[in-house]
C-alpha atoms as a PDB file:
ATOM      1  CA  MET A   1       0.284   7.477  23.910  1.00  0.00           C
ATOM      2  CA  LYS A   2       2.147   7.281  20.634  1.00  0.00           C
ATOM      3  CA  GLU A   3       3.715  10.053  18.586  1.00  0.00           C
ATOM      4  CA  LEU A   4       3.392   9.941  14.825  1.00  0.00           C
ATOM      5  CA  HIS A   5       5.928  11.958  12.879  1.00  0.00           C
ATOM      6  CA  ILE A   6       4.490  13.390   9.681  1.00  0.00           C
ATOM      7  CA  SER A   7       6.422  15.169   6.937  1.00  0.00           C
ATOM      8  CA  SER A   8       4.418  17.200   4.465  1.00  0.00           C
ATOM      9  CA  GLN A   9       5.756  17.937   1.007  1.00  0.00           C
ATOM     10  CA  ARG A  10       3.521  20.863   0.031  1.00  0.00           C
ATOM     11  CA  ARG A  11       1.972  23.946   1.634  1.00  0.00           C
ATOM     12  CA  ASN A  12      -1.499  22.359   1.597  1.00  0.00           C
ATOM     13  CA  GLN A  13      -1.707  18.608   1.817  1.00  0.00           C
ATOM     14  CA  MET A  14      -3.894  15.854   3.206  1.00  0.00           C
ATOM     15  CA  ILE A  15      -1.958  12.806   4.399  1.00  0.00           C
ATOM     16  CA  ASP A  16      -3.726   9.518   5.110  1.00  0.00           C
ATOM     17  CA  ILE A  17      -2.728   8.355   8.604  1.00  0.00           C
ATOM     18  CA  THR A  18      -5.368   5.625   8.993  1.00  0.00           C
ATOM     19  CA  TYR A  19      -2.807   2.816   8.959  1.00  0.00           C
ATOM     20  CA  GLN A  20      -0.668   4.438  11.668  1.00  0.00           C
ATOM     21  CA  VAL A  21      -3.719   5.064  13.875  1.00  0.00           C
ATOM     22  CA  GLN A  22      -4.865   1.441  13.446  1.00  0.00           C
ATOM     23  CA  GLN A  23      -1.326   0.276  14.180  1.00  0.00           C
ATOM     24  CA  THR A  24      -1.429   2.142  17.508  1.00  0.00           C
ATOM     25  CA  VAL A  25      -4.731   0.441  18.396  1.00  0.00           C
ATOM     26  CA  SER A  26      -3.177  -2.952  17.606  1.00  0.00           C
ATOM     27  CA  GLU A  27       0.033  -2.242  19.546  1.00  0.00           C
ATOM     28  CA  GLU A  28      -1.967  -1.122  22.587  1.00  0.00           C
ATOM     29  CA  LYS A  29      -4.119  -4.272  22.299  1.00  0.00           C
ATOM     30  CA  VAL A  30      -7.359  -2.284  22.431  1.00  0.00           C
ATOM     31  CA  ILE A  31     -10.235  -4.619  21.541  1.00  0.00           C
ATOM     32  CA  ASP A  32     -13.120  -2.300  22.432  1.00  0.00           C
ATOM     33  CA  GLY A  33     -12.708   1.353  23.314  1.00  0.00           C
ATOM     34  CA  PHE A  34     -11.686   4.476  21.462  1.00  0.00           C
ATOM     35  CA  VAL A  35      -8.723   6.338  20.089  1.00  0.00           C
ATOM     36  CA  ILE A  36      -8.047  10.059  20.192  1.00  0.00           C
ATOM     37  CA  VAL A  37      -5.967  11.625  17.421  1.00  0.00           C
ATOM     38  CA  TYR A  38      -4.635  15.060  18.381  1.00  0.00           C
ATOM     39  CA  VAL A  39      -2.653  17.568  16.310  1.00  0.00           C
ATOM     40  CA  PRO A  40      -0.791  20.148  18.476  1.00  0.00           C
ATOM     41  CA  HIS A  41      -0.210  22.649  15.668  1.00  0.00           C
ATOM     42  CA  THR A  42      -2.173  25.814  14.906  1.00  0.00           C
ATOM     43  CA  THR A  43      -1.814  25.533  11.123  1.00  0.00           C
ATOM     44  CA  ALA A  44      -2.599  21.816  10.808  1.00  0.00           C
ATOM     45  CA  GLY A  45      -5.549  19.622  11.695  1.00  0.00           C
ATOM     46  CA  VAL A  46      -7.151  16.222  11.464  1.00  0.00           C
ATOM     47  CA  THR A  47     -10.317  15.069   9.733  1.00  0.00           C
ATOM     48  CA  ILE A  48     -12.143  11.923   8.663  1.00  0.00           C
ATOM     49  CA  ASN A  49     -13.359  11.693   5.085  1.00  0.00           C
ATOM     50  CA  GLU A  50     -13.347   9.503   1.984  1.00  0.00           C
ATOM     51  CA  GLY A  51     -10.048   7.787   1.311  1.00  0.00           C
ATOM     52  CA  ALA A  52     -10.871   5.682  -1.750  1.00  0.00           C
ATOM     53  CA  ASP A  53     -10.791   8.531  -4.266  1.00  0.00           C
ATOM     54  CA  PRO A  54      -7.930  11.044  -3.936  1.00  0.00           C
ATOM     55  CA  ASP A  55     -10.023  13.554  -5.875  1.00  0.00           C
ATOM     56  CA  VAL A  56     -12.068  14.057  -2.686  1.00  0.00           C
ATOM     57  CA  GLN A  57      -9.000  15.305  -0.808  1.00  0.00           C
ATOM     58  CA  GLN A  58      -8.153  17.560  -3.763  1.00  0.00           C
ATOM     59  CA  ASP A  59     -11.708  18.920  -3.762  1.00  0.00           C
ATOM     60  CA  ILE A  60     -11.512  19.631  -0.030  1.00  0.00           C
ATOM     61  CA  MET A  61      -8.219  21.502  -0.357  1.00  0.00           C
ATOM     62  CA  GLU A  62      -9.355  23.460  -3.426  1.00  0.00           C
ATOM     63  CA  THR A  63     -12.632  24.440  -1.759  1.00  0.00           C
ATOM     64  CA  LEU A  64     -10.849  25.517   1.421  1.00  0.00           C
ATOM     65  CA  GLY A  65      -8.525  27.570  -0.786  1.00  0.00           C
ATOM     66  CA  LYS A  66     -11.452  29.297  -2.487  1.00  0.00           C
ATOM     67  CA  LEU A  67     -13.278  29.977   0.785  1.00  0.00           C
ATOM     68  CA  ILE A  68     -10.132  31.066   2.628  1.00  0.00           C
ATOM     69  CA  PRO A  69      -7.568  32.348   0.115  1.00  0.00           C
ATOM     70  CA  GLU A  70      -3.879  32.388   0.987  1.00  0.00           C
ATOM     71  CA  ASN A  71      -3.339  35.998  -0.063  1.00  0.00           C
ATOM     72  CA  ARG A  72      -5.763  38.356   1.574  1.00  0.00           C
ATOM     73  CA  SER A  73      -5.343  41.387   3.805  1.00  0.00           C
ATOM     74  CA  TYR A  74      -5.070  39.380   7.032  1.00  0.00           C
ATOM     75  CA  HIS A  75      -3.839  41.086  10.192  1.00  0.00           C
ATOM     76  CA  HIS A  76      -1.448  38.269  11.214  1.00  0.00           C
ATOM     77  CA  SER A  77       1.971  39.188   9.845  1.00  0.00           C
ATOM     78  CA  GLU A  78       3.473  35.718   9.263  1.00  0.00           C
ATOM     79  CA  GLY A  79       1.609  35.139   6.002  1.00  0.00           C
ATOM     80  CA  ASN A  80      -0.131  31.970   7.127  1.00  0.00           C
ATOM     81  CA  SER A  81      -3.447  33.274   8.468  1.00  0.00           C
ATOM     82  CA  ASP A  82      -5.341  31.181   5.947  1.00  0.00           C
ATOM     83  CA  ALA A  83      -3.752  28.045   7.401  1.00  0.00           C
ATOM     84  CA  HIS A  84      -4.802  29.047  10.928  1.00  0.00           C
ATOM     85  CA  ILE A  85      -8.407  29.524   9.794  1.00  0.00           C
ATOM     86  CA  LYS A  86      -8.499  26.260   7.814  1.00  0.00           C
ATOM     87  CA  ALA A  87      -7.037  24.324  10.743  1.00  0.00           C
ATOM     88  CA  SER A  88      -9.652  25.841  13.056  1.00  0.00           C
ATOM     89  CA  LEU A  89     -12.437  24.721  10.728  1.00  0.00           C
ATOM     90  CA  LEU A  90     -11.100  21.166  10.443  1.00  0.00           C
ATOM     91  CA  GLY A  91     -10.235  20.854  14.130  1.00  0.00           C
ATOM     92  CA  SER A  92      -7.242  19.701  16.113  1.00  0.00           C
ATOM     93  CA  SER A  93      -8.578  16.328  17.246  1.00  0.00           C
ATOM     94  CA  THR A  94     -10.929  13.502  16.465  1.00  0.00           C
ATOM     95  CA  THR A  95     -12.181  10.521  18.437  1.00  0.00           C
ATOM     96  CA  ILE A  96     -12.744   7.165  16.749  1.00  0.00           C
ATOM     97  CA  LEU A  97     -14.457   4.181  18.311  1.00  0.00           C
ATOM     98  CA  VAL A  98     -12.696   0.805  18.366  1.00  0.00           C
ATOM     99  CA  LYS A  99     -14.612  -2.467  18.145  1.00  0.00           C
ATOM    100  CA  GLY A 100     -13.071  -5.908  17.817  1.00  0.00           C
ATOM    101  CA  GLY A 101      -9.606  -4.380  17.623  1.00  0.00           C
ATOM    102  CA  ARG A 102     -10.476  -2.308  14.536  1.00  0.00           C
ATOM    103  CA  LEU A 103     -11.238   1.368  14.014  1.00  0.00           C
ATOM    104  CA  VAL A 104     -14.974   1.889  13.548  1.00  0.00           C
ATOM    105  CA  LEU A 105     -14.898   3.744  10.247  1.00  0.00           C
ATOM    106  CA  GLY A 106     -17.370   3.718   7.392  1.00  0.00           C
ATOM    107  CA  THR A 107     -16.543   1.778   4.237  1.00  0.00           C
ATOM    108  CA  TRP A 108     -14.798   4.707   2.564  1.00  0.00           C
ATOM    109  CA  GLN A 109     -13.664   6.664   5.620  1.00  0.00           C
ATOM    110  CA  HIS A 110      -9.993   7.316   6.348  1.00  0.00           C
ATOM    111  CA  VAL A 111      -8.222   9.508   8.879  1.00  0.00           C
ATOM    112  CA  PHE A 112      -6.327  12.440   7.375  1.00  0.00           C
ATOM    113  CA  PHE A 113      -3.726  14.802   8.742  1.00  0.00           C
ATOM    114  CA  TYR A 114      -4.241  18.216   7.129  1.00  0.00           C
ATOM    115  CA  GLU A 115      -1.198  20.404   6.508  1.00  0.00           C
ATOM    116  CA  GLY A 116      -1.925  24.067   5.889  1.00  0.00           C
ATOM    117  CA  ASP A 117       1.529  25.650   6.152  1.00  0.00           C
ATOM    118  CA  GLY A 118       4.030  23.166   4.808  1.00  0.00           C
ATOM    119  CA  PRO A 119       6.249  21.664   3.948  1.00  0.00           C
ATOM    120  CA  ARG A 120       6.962  20.845   7.584  1.00  0.00           C
ATOM    121  CA  HIS A 121       7.772  18.067  10.016  1.00  0.00           C
ATOM    122  CA  ARG A 122       4.836  17.592  12.400  1.00  0.00           C
ATOM    123  CA  THR A 123       3.850  15.479  15.378  1.00  0.00           C
ATOM    124  CA  VAL A 124       0.472  13.819  15.827  1.00  0.00           C
ATOM    125  CA  TYR A 125      -0.462  12.232  19.152  1.00  0.00           C
ATOM    126  CA  VAL A 126      -2.549   9.065  19.220  1.00  0.00           C
ATOM    127  CA  SER A 127      -3.980   7.711  22.475  1.00  0.00           C
ATOM    128  CA  ALA A 128      -5.858   4.411  22.431  1.00  0.00           C
ATOM    129  CA  GLN A 129      -8.073   3.633  25.430  1.00  0.00           C
ATOM    130  CA  LYS A 130      -9.727   0.352  26.419  1.00  0.00           C
ATOM    131  CA  ASN A 131     -13.289   0.211  27.703  1.00  0.00           C
ATOM    132  CA  ARG A 132     -13.414  -0.710  31.359  1.00  0.00           C
END
């Protein structure tokens, strides 16, 4: 298992971690199998979506912001309830197949770490497993 250390620069941010996930697959010499990407934070998540056009990530963050506004009468007193809800919707982990030593992603798909309560220093765990 490998730890990725991610530093966000803004409160809401999507950071492309595809290269680091692929690097873990290569380092672990996984030819065929899968990789699990896990985010152990309650105000951050992971998702797979288009990586070719950064406007897609902006659209995702803006839509999440409209659906789940930062300033609402939430019960949680820390002021980051919106980030908890957004992270729950995106999820804390994803599994990606590996074939021929490469992540099985669609043409435009990338793996993104989602920050909902930054800026912060975060850890992402990546575990690559070989088929038996």
